């Protein structure tokens, strides 16, 4: 079977990782990442936000890495929402 070239989290060495992805305690090792669907993540975060869950505040400084195309869509959506609110 052919190996898939599509990866949610790119296979990189610790030197190639964006700042903040490296495990600070272990030095140069990469933190374990687990793929999750956008739909699943969004619904869980929305529910946690609406329920004012304390654990969500514990992670508010965390960064989530998304693909460039999703980021561009999110920026465009943010602009549309601002225009609708005005």
PDB file of N, CA and C in Angstrom:
ATOM      1  N   UNK A   1       0.845  -1.185   0.000  1.00  0.00           N
ATOM      2  CA  UNK A   1       0.000   0.000   0.000  1.00  0.00           C
ATOM      3  C   UNK A   1       0.888   1.246   0.000  1.00  0.00           C
ATOM      4  N   UNK A   2       0.489   2.229  -0.775  1.00  0.00           N
ATOM      5  CA  UNK A   2       1.229   3.467  -0.892  1.00  0.00           C
ATOM      6  C   UNK A   2       1.097   4.298   0.384  1.00  0.00           C
ATOM      7  N   UNK A   3       2.184   4.901   0.808  1.00  0.00           N
ATOM      8  CA  UNK A   3       2.169   5.756   1.983  1.00  0.00           C
ATOM      9  C   UNK A   3       1.511   7.095   1.651  1.00  0.00           C
ATOM     10  N   UNK A   4       0.620   7.553   2.508  1.00  0.00           N
ATOM     11  CA  UNK A   4      -0.064   8.829   2.304  1.00  0.00           C
ATOM     12  C   UNK A   4       0.896   9.986   2.541  1.00  0.00           C
ATOM     13  N   UNK A   5       0.775  11.008   1.736  1.00  0.00           N
ATOM     14  CA  UNK A   5       1.604  12.197   1.909  1.00  0.00           C
ATOM     15  C   UNK A   5       0.860  13.310   2.633  1.00  0.00           C
ATOM     16  N   UNK A   6      -0.380  13.064   2.997  1.00  0.00           N
ATOM     17  CA  UNK A   6      -1.174  14.056   3.708  1.00  0.00           C
ATOM     18  C   UNK A   6      -0.990  13.864   5.201  1.00  0.00           C
ATOM     19  N   UNK A   7      -0.545  14.906   5.890  1.00  0.00           N
ATOM     20  CA  UNK A   7      -0.320  14.835   7.335  1.00  0.00           C
ATOM     21  C   UNK A   7      -0.940  16.067   7.987  1.00  0.00           C
ATOM     22  N   UNK A   8      -1.677  15.860   9.067  1.00  0.00           N
ATOM     23  CA  UNK A   8      -2.200  16.983   9.820  1.00  0.00           C
ATOM     24  C   UNK A   8      -1.088  17.688  10.575  1.00  0.00           C
ATOM     25  N   UNK A   9      -0.132  16.917  11.046  1.00  0.00           N
ATOM     26  CA  UNK A   9       1.019  17.466  11.740  1.00  0.00           C
ATOM     27  C   UNK A   9       2.250  17.008  10.981  1.00  0.00           C
ATOM     28  N   UNK A  10       2.973  17.937  10.367  1.00  0.00           N
ATOM     29  CA  UNK A  10       4.112  17.557   9.544  1.00  0.00           C
ATOM     30  C   UNK A  10       5.167  16.806  10.349  1.00  0.00           C
ATOM     31  N   UNK A  11       5.804  15.857   9.679  1.00  0.00           N
ATOM     32  CA  UNK A  11       6.891  15.121  10.302  1.00  0.00           C
ATOM     33  C   UNK A  11       8.136  15.985  10.199  1.00  0.00           C
ATOM     34  N   UNK A  12       8.591  16.525  11.322  1.00  0.00           N
ATOM     35  CA  UNK A  12       9.736  17.420  11.323  1.00  0.00           C
ATOM     36  C   UNK A  12      10.694  17.034  12.429  1.00  0.00           C
ATOM     37  N   UNK A  13      11.901  17.503  12.309  1.00  0.00           N
ATOM     38  CA  UNK A  13      12.861  17.320  13.386  1.00  0.00           C
ATOM     39  C   UNK A  13      12.645  18.447  14.387  1.00  0.00           C
ATOM     40  N   UNK A  14      13.167  18.321  15.603  1.00  0.00           N
ATOM     41  CA  UNK A  14      12.996  19.387  16.593  1.00  0.00           C
ATOM     42  C   UNK A  14      13.522  20.733  16.111  1.00  0.00           C
ATOM     43  N   UNK A  15      14.537  20.729  15.247  1.00  0.00           N
ATOM     44  CA  UNK A  15      15.083  21.987  14.754  1.00  0.00           C
ATOM     45  C   UNK A  15      14.153  22.671  13.767  1.00  0.00           C
ATOM     46  N   UNK A  16      13.269  21.898  13.128  1.00  0.00           N
ATOM     47  CA  UNK A  16      12.341  22.454  12.149  1.00  0.00           C
ATOM     48  C   UNK A  16      11.038  22.926  12.781  1.00  0.00           C
ATOM     49  N   UNK A  17      10.816  22.628  14.045  1.00  0.00           N
ATOM     50  CA  UNK A  17       9.542  22.936  14.693  1.00  0.00           C
ATOM     51  C   UNK A  17       9.390  24.424  14.916  1.00  0.00           C
ATOM     52  N   UNK A  18       8.150  24.929  14.773  1.00  0.00           N
ATOM     53  CA  UNK A  18       7.905  26.326  15.106  1.00  0.00           C
ATOM     54  C   UNK A  18       8.168  26.548  16.587  1.00  0.00           C
ATOM     55  N   UNK A  19       8.531  27.769  16.935  1.00  0.00           N
ATOM     56  CA  UNK A  19       8.770  28.080  18.340  1.00  0.00           C
ATOM     57  C   UNK A  19       7.510  27.775  19.142  1.00  0.00           C
ATOM     58  N   UNK A  20       7.661  27.179  20.294  1.00  0.00           N
ATOM     59  CA  UNK A  20       6.516  26.850  21.124  1.00  0.00           C
ATOM     60  C   UNK A  20       6.057  25.418  20.969  1.00  0.00           C
ATOM     61  N   UNK A  21       6.496  24.731  19.910  1.00  0.00           N
ATOM     62  CA  UNK A  21       6.091  23.345  19.723  1.00  0.00           C
ATOM     63  C   UNK A  21       7.031  22.425  20.486  1.00  0.00           C
ATOM     64  N   UNK A  22       8.229  22.867  20.718  1.00  0.00           N
ATOM     65  CA  UNK A  22       9.193  22.039  21.434  1.00  0.00           C
ATOM     66  C   UNK A  22       8.797  21.909  22.893  1.00  0.00           C
ATOM     67  N   UNK A  23       9.073  20.759  23.450  1.00  0.00           N
ATOM     68  CA  UNK A  23       8.816  20.516  24.867  1.00  0.00           C
ATOM     69  C   UNK A  23       9.910  21.216  25.660  1.00  0.00           C
ATOM     70  N   UNK A  24       9.547  22.213  26.403  1.00  0.00           N
ATOM     71  CA  UNK A  24      10.523  23.012  27.126  1.00  0.00           C
ATOM     72  C   UNK A  24      11.261  22.200  28.185  1.00  0.00           C
ATOM     73  N   UNK A  25      10.590  21.262  28.831  1.00  0.00           N
ATOM     74  CA  UNK A  25      11.225  20.480  29.880  1.00  0.00           C
ATOM     75  C   UNK A  25      12.218  19.482  29.312  1.00  0.00           C
ATOM     76  N   UNK A  26      11.929  18.923  28.159  1.00  0.00           N
ATOM     77  CA  UNK A  26      12.785  17.891  27.588  1.00  0.00           C
ATOM     78  C   UNK A  26      13.840  18.471  26.659  1.00  0.00           C
ATOM     79  N   UNK A  27      13.903  19.761  26.507  1.00  0.00           N
ATOM     80  CA  UNK A  27      14.896  20.382  25.649  1.00  0.00           C
ATOM     81  C   UNK A  27      14.488  20.367  24.207  1.00  0.00           C
ATOM     82  N   UNK A  28      15.042  19.430  23.426  1.00  0.00           N
ATOM     83  CA  UNK A  28      14.803  19.450  21.991  1.00  0.00           C
ATOM     84  C   UNK A  28      13.773  18.434  21.528  1.00  0.00           C
ATOM     85  N   UNK A  29      13.141  17.700  22.423  1.00  0.00           N
ATOM     86  CA  UNK A  29      12.150  16.719  21.976  1.00  0.00           C
ATOM     87  C   UNK A  29      10.829  17.400  21.663  1.00  0.00           C
ATOM     88  N   UNK A  30      10.078  16.823  20.740  1.00  0.00           N
ATOM     89  CA  UNK A  30       8.812  17.390  20.308  1.00  0.00           C
ATOM     90  C   UNK A  30       7.702  16.911  21.223  1.00  0.00           C
ATOM     91  N   UNK A  31       6.817  17.826  21.612  1.00  0.00           N
ATOM     92  CA  UNK A  31       5.647  17.432  22.398  1.00  0.00           C
ATOM     93  C   UNK A  31       4.789  16.490  21.574  1.00  0.00           C
ATOM     94  N   UNK A  32       4.167  15.550  22.236  1.00  0.00           N
ATOM     95  CA  UNK A  32       3.288  14.633  21.530  1.00  0.00           C
ATOM     96  C   UNK A  32       2.053  15.389  21.079  1.00  0.00           C
ATOM     97  N   UNK A  33       1.720  15.253  19.808  1.00  0.00           N
ATOM     98  CA  UNK A  33       0.531  15.884  19.255  1.00  0.00           C
ATOM     99  C   UNK A  33      -0.431  14.806  18.807  1.00  0.00           C
ATOM    100  N   UNK A  34      -1.707  15.087  18.937  1.00  0.00           N
ATOM    101  CA  UNK A  34      -2.750  14.145  18.562  1.00  0.00           C
ATOM    102  C   UNK A  34      -3.684  14.834  17.585  1.00  0.00           C
ATOM    103  N   UNK A  35      -3.931  14.227  16.424  1.00  0.00           N
ATOM    104  CA  UNK A  35      -4.840  14.860  15.460  1.00  0.00           C
ATOM    105  C   UNK A  35      -6.281  14.801  15.949  1.00  0.00           C
ATOM    106  N   UNK A  36      -7.013  15.864  15.670  1.00  0.00           N
ATOM    107  CA  UNK A  36      -8.437  15.933  16.006  1.00  0.00           C
ATOM    108  C   UNK A  36      -9.130  16.693  14.892  1.00  0.00           C
ATOM    109  N   UNK A  37     -10.315  16.269  14.536  1.00  0.00           N
ATOM    110  CA  UNK A  37     -11.071  16.953  13.494  1.00  0.00           C
ATOM    111  C   UNK A  37     -11.504  18.341  13.931  1.00  0.00           C
ATOM    112  N   UNK A  38     -11.545  19.264  12.984  1.00  0.00           N
ATOM    113  CA  UNK A  38     -11.950  20.636  13.293  1.00  0.00           C
ATOM    114  C   UNK A  38     -13.359  20.664  13.889  1.00  0.00           C
ATOM    115  N   UNK A  39     -14.255  19.860  13.340  1.00  0.00           N
ATOM    116  CA  UNK A  39     -15.626  19.820  13.842  1.00  0.00           C
ATOM    117  C   UNK A  39     -15.671  19.393  15.308  1.00  0.00           C
ATOM    118  N   UNK A  40     -14.914  18.356  15.639  1.00  0.00           N
ATOM    119  CA  UNK A  40     -14.882  17.874  17.019  1.00  0.00           C
ATOM    120  C   UNK A  40     -14.279  18.913  17.953  1.00  0.00           C
ATOM    121  N   UNK A  41     -13.157  19.487  17.542  1.00  0.00           N
ATOM    122  CA  UNK A  41     -12.492  20.490  18.359  1.00  0.00           C
ATOM    123  C   UNK A  41     -13.387  21.702  18.578  1.00  0.00           C
ATOM    124  N   UNK A  42     -13.991  22.190  17.504  1.00  0.00           N
ATOM    125  CA  UNK A  42     -14.834  23.379  17.599  1.00  0.00           C
ATOM    126  C   UNK A  42     -16.032  23.152  18.518  1.00  0.00           C
ATOM    127  N   UNK A  43     -16.695  22.016  18.367  1.00  0.00           N
ATOM    128  CA  UNK A  43     -17.880  21.779  19.203  1.00  0.00           C
ATOM    129  C   UNK A  43     -17.504  21.647  20.672  1.00  0.00           C
ATOM    130  N   UNK A  44     -16.386  21.014  20.955  1.00  0.00           N
ATOM    131  CA  UNK A  44     -15.956  20.895  22.350  1.00  0.00           C
ATOM    132  C   UNK A  44     -15.555  22.245  22.938  1.00  0.00           C
ATOM    133  N   UNK A  45     -14.834  23.043  22.161  1.00  0.00           N
ATOM    134  CA  UNK A  45     -14.428  24.362  22.652  1.00  0.00           C
ATOM    135  C   UNK A  45     -15.619  25.292  22.844  1.00  0.00           C
ATOM    136  N   UNK A  46     -16.574  25.255  21.923  1.00  0.00           N
ATOM    137  CA  UNK A  46     -17.770  26.085  22.058  1.00  0.00           C
ATOM    138  C   UNK A  46     -18.539  25.699  23.319  1.00  0.00           C
ATOM    139  N   UNK A  47     -18.720  24.403  23.530  1.00  0.00           N
ATOM    140  CA  UNK A  47     -19.433  23.947  24.717  1.00  0.00           C
ATOM    141  C   UNK A  47     -18.700  24.354  25.990  1.00  0.00           C
ATOM    142  N   UNK A  48     -17.376  24.193  26.008  1.00  0.00           N
ATOM    143  CA  UNK A  48     -16.594  24.570  27.187  1.00  0.00           C
ATOM    144  C   UNK A  48     -16.676  26.072  27.441  1.00  0.00           C
ATOM    145  N   UNK A  49     -16.643  26.859  26.369  1.00  0.00           N
ATOM    146  CA  UNK A  49     -16.741  28.313  26.507  1.00  0.00           C
ATOM    147  C   UNK A  49     -18.110  28.730  27.042  1.00  0.00           C
ATOM    148  N   UNK A  50     -19.165  28.171  26.455  1.00  0.00           N
ATOM    149  CA  UNK A  50     -20.519  28.516  26.881  1.00  0.00           C
ATOM    150  C   UNK A  50     -20.809  28.046  28.305  1.00  0.00           C
ATOM    151  N   UNK A  51     -20.162  26.958  28.719  1.00  0.00           N
ATOM    152  CA  UNK A  51     -20.350  26.428  30.065  1.00  0.00           C
ATOM    153  C   UNK A  51     -19.386  27.047  31.069  1.00  0.00           C
ATOM    154  N   UNK A  52     -18.541  27.950  30.603  1.00  0.00           N
ATOM    155  CA  UNK A  52     -17.557  28.643  31.436  1.00  0.00           C
ATOM    156  C   UNK A  52     -16.705  27.659  32.233  1.00  0.00           C
ATOM    157  N   UNK A  53     -16.144  26.680  31.531  1.00  0.00           N
ATOM    158  CA  UNK A  53     -15.318  25.660  32.187  1.00  0.00           C
ATOM    159  C   UNK A  53     -13.968  26.233  32.595  1.00  0.00           C
ATOM    160  N   UNK A  54     -13.571  25.956  33.803  1.00  0.00           N
ATOM    161  CA  UNK A  54     -12.310  26.457  34.334  1.00  0.00           C
ATOM    162  C   UNK A  54     -11.121  25.940  33.547  1.00  0.00           C
ATOM    163  N   UNK A  55     -11.161  24.686  33.116  1.00  0.00           N
ATOM    164  CA  UNK A  55     -10.018  24.111  32.410  1.00  0.00           C
ATOM    165  C   UNK A  55      -9.703  24.852  31.121  1.00  0.00           C
ATOM    166  N   UNK A  56     -10.711  25.483  30.525  1.00  0.00           N
ATOM    167  CA  UNK A  56     -10.469  26.230  29.294  1.00  0.00           C
ATOM    168  C   UNK A  56      -9.563  27.426  29.567  1.00  0.00           C
ATOM    169  N   UNK A  57      -9.748  28.073  30.707  1.00  0.00           N
ATOM    170  CA  UNK A  57      -8.879  29.198  31.083  1.00  0.00           C
ATOM    171  C   UNK A  57      -7.444  28.728  31.340  1.00  0.00           C
ATOM    172  N   UNK A  58      -7.289  27.488  31.792  1.00  0.00           N
ATOM    173  CA  UNK A  58      -5.951  26.942  32.031  1.00  0.00           C
ATOM    174  C   UNK A  58      -5.146  26.843  30.739  1.00  0.00           C
ATOM    175  N   UNK A  59      -5.831  26.715  29.619  1.00  0.00           N
ATOM    176  CA  UNK A  59      -5.162  26.543  28.332  1.00  0.00           C
ATOM    177  C   UNK A  59      -5.254  27.764  27.429  1.00  0.00           C
ATOM    178  N   UNK A  60      -5.711  28.900  27.941  1.00  0.00           N
ATOM    179  CA  UNK A  60      -5.941  30.055  27.085  1.00  0.00           C
ATOM    180  C   UNK A  60      -4.672  30.622  26.462  1.00  0.00           C
ATOM    181  N   UNK A  61      -3.515  30.334  27.009  1.00  0.00           N
ATOM    182  CA  UNK A  61      -2.275  30.834  26.407  1.00  0.00           C
ATOM    183  C   UNK A  61      -1.657  29.826  25.437  1.00  0.00           C
ATOM    184  N   UNK A  62      -2.259  28.647  25.300  1.00  0.00           N
ATOM    185  CA  UNK A  62      -1.763  27.629  24.361  1.00  0.00           C
ATOM    186  C   UNK A  62      -1.970  28.085  22.923  1.00  0.00           C
ATOM    187  N   UNK A  63      -1.103  27.630  22.044  1.00  0.00           N
ATOM    188  CA  UNK A  63      -1.253  27.912  20.625  1.00  0.00           C
ATOM    189  C   UNK A  63      -1.668  26.644  19.906  1.00  0.00           C
ATOM    190  N   UNK A  64      -2.534  26.799  18.931  1.00  0.00           N
ATOM    191  CA  UNK A  64      -2.968  25.696  18.090  1.00  0.00           C
ATOM    192  C   UNK A  64      -2.515  26.016  16.680  1.00  0.00           C
ATOM    193  N   UNK A  65      -1.845  25.080  16.042  1.00  0.00           N
ATOM    194  CA  UNK A  65      -1.360  25.287  14.690  1.00  0.00           C
ATOM    195  C   UNK A  65      -2.374  24.751  13.698  1.00  0.00           C
ATOM    196  N   UNK A  66      -2.735  25.590  12.729  1.00  0.00           N
ATOM    197  CA  UNK A  66      -3.696  25.205  11.692  1.00  0.00           C
ATOM    198  C   UNK A  66      -3.040  25.416  10.332  1.00  0.00           C
ATOM    199  N   UNK A  67      -3.606  24.809   9.326  1.00  0.00           N
ATOM    200  CA  UNK A  67      -3.070  24.973   7.978  1.00  0.00           C
ATOM    201  C   UNK A  67      -3.276  26.416   7.510  1.00  0.00           C
ATOM    202  N   UNK A  68      -2.489  26.820   6.553  1.00  0.00           N
ATOM    203  CA  UNK A  68      -2.574  28.186   6.017  1.00  0.00           C
ATOM    204  C   UNK A  68      -3.937  28.466   5.412  1.00  0.00           C
ATOM    205  N   UNK A  69      -4.503  27.498   4.687  1.00  0.00           N
ATOM    206  CA  UNK A  69      -5.799  27.740   4.061  1.00  0.00           C
ATOM    207  C   UNK A  69      -6.907  27.884   5.103  1.00  0.00           C
ATOM    208  N   UNK A  70      -6.882  27.098   6.169  1.00  0.00           N
ATOM    209  CA  UNK A  70      -7.876  27.266   7.234  1.00  0.00           C
ATOM    210  C   UNK A  70      -7.702  28.609   7.920  1.00  0.00           C
ATOM    211  N   UNK A  71      -6.462  29.022   8.135  1.00  0.00           N
ATOM    212  CA  UNK A  71      -6.189  30.317   8.763  1.00  0.00           C
ATOM    213  C   UNK A  71      -6.751  31.463   7.923  1.00  0.00           C
ATOM    214  N   UNK A  72      -6.561  31.388   6.613  1.00  0.00           N
ATOM    215  CA  UNK A  72      -7.078  32.432   5.722  1.00  0.00           C
ATOM    216  C   UNK A  72      -8.605  32.474   5.745  1.00  0.00           C
ATOM    217  N   UNK A  73      -9.243  31.305   5.789  1.00  0.00           N
ATOM    218  CA  UNK A  73     -10.705  31.257   5.884  1.00  0.00           C
ATOM    219  C   UNK A  73     -11.177  31.856   7.202  1.00  0.00           C
ATOM    220  N   UNK A  74     -10.486  31.544   8.288  1.00  0.00           N
ATOM    221  CA  UNK A  74     -10.861  32.096   9.601  1.00  0.00           C
ATOM    222  C   UNK A  74     -10.714  33.616   9.630  1.00  0.00           C
ATOM    223  N   UNK A  75      -9.647  34.133   9.019  1.00  0.00           N
ATOM    224  CA  UNK A  75      -9.473  35.592   8.952  1.00  0.00           C
ATOM    225  C   UNK A  75     -10.586  36.250   8.143  1.00  0.00           C
ATOM    226  N   UNK A  76     -10.938  35.647   7.010  1.00  0.00           N
ATOM    227  CA  UNK A  76     -12.008  36.189   6.176  1.00  0.00           C
ATOM    228  C   UNK A  76     -13.337  36.155   6.936  1.00  0.00           C
ATOM    229  N   UNK A  77     -13.592  35.062   7.626  1.00  0.00           N
ATOM    230  CA  UNK A  77     -14.826  34.946   8.404  1.00  0.00           C
ATOM    231  C   UNK A  77     -14.867  35.990   9.517  1.00  0.00           C
ATOM    232  N   UNK A  78     -13.736  36.236  10.142  1.00  0.00           N
ATOM    233  CA  UNK A  78     -13.663  37.250  11.195  1.00  0.00           C
ATOM    234  C   UNK A  78     -14.018  38.633  10.632  1.00  0.00           C
ATOM    235  N   UNK A  79     -13.532  38.944   9.436  1.00  0.00           N
ATOM    236  CA  UNK A  79     -13.846  40.222   8.805  1.00  0.00           C
ATOM    237  C   UNK A  79     -15.334  40.340   8.492  1.00  0.00           C
ATOM    238  N   UNK A  80     -15.932  39.258   7.996  1.00  0.00           N
ATOM    239  CA  UNK A  80     -17.367  39.261   7.686  1.00  0.00           C
ATOM    240  C   UNK A  80     -18.176  39.495   8.957  1.00  0.00           C
ATOM    241  N   UNK A  81     -17.799  38.841  10.039  1.00  0.00           N
ATOM    242  CA  UNK A  81     -18.515  39.008  11.300  1.00  0.00           C
ATOM    243  C   UNK A  81     -18.421  40.442  11.799  1.00  0.00           C
ATOM    244  N   UNK A  82     -17.251  41.064  11.641  1.00  0.00           N
ATOM    245  CA  UNK A  82     -17.068  42.450  12.078  1.00  0.00           C
ATOM    246  C   UNK A  82     -17.954  43.383  11.249  1.00  0.00           C
ATOM    247  N   UNK A  83     -18.046  43.124   9.948  1.00  0.00           N
ATOM    248  CA  UNK A  83     -18.875  43.954   9.081  1.00  0.00           C
ATOM    249  C   UNK A  83     -20.356  43.786   9.433  1.00  0.00           C
ATOM    250  N   UNK A  84     -20.768  42.562   9.750  1.00  0.00           N
ATOM    251  CA  UNK A  84     -22.155  42.303  10.132  1.00  0.00           C
ATOM    252  C   UNK A  84     -22.508  42.977  11.450  1.00  0.00           C
ATOM    253  N   UNK A  85     -21.544  43.065  12.357  1.00  0.00           N
ATOM    254  CA  UNK A  85     -21.785  43.634  13.683  1.00  0.00           C
ATOM    255  C   UNK A  85     -21.857  45.165  13.643  1.00  0.00           C
ATOM    256  N   UNK A  86     -21.242  45.747  12.633  1.00  0.00           N
ATOM    257  CA  UNK A  86     -21.192  47.219  12.541  1.00  0.00           C
ATOM    258  C   UNK A  86     -22.511  47.819  12.119  1.00  0.00           C
TER     259      UNK A  86
END
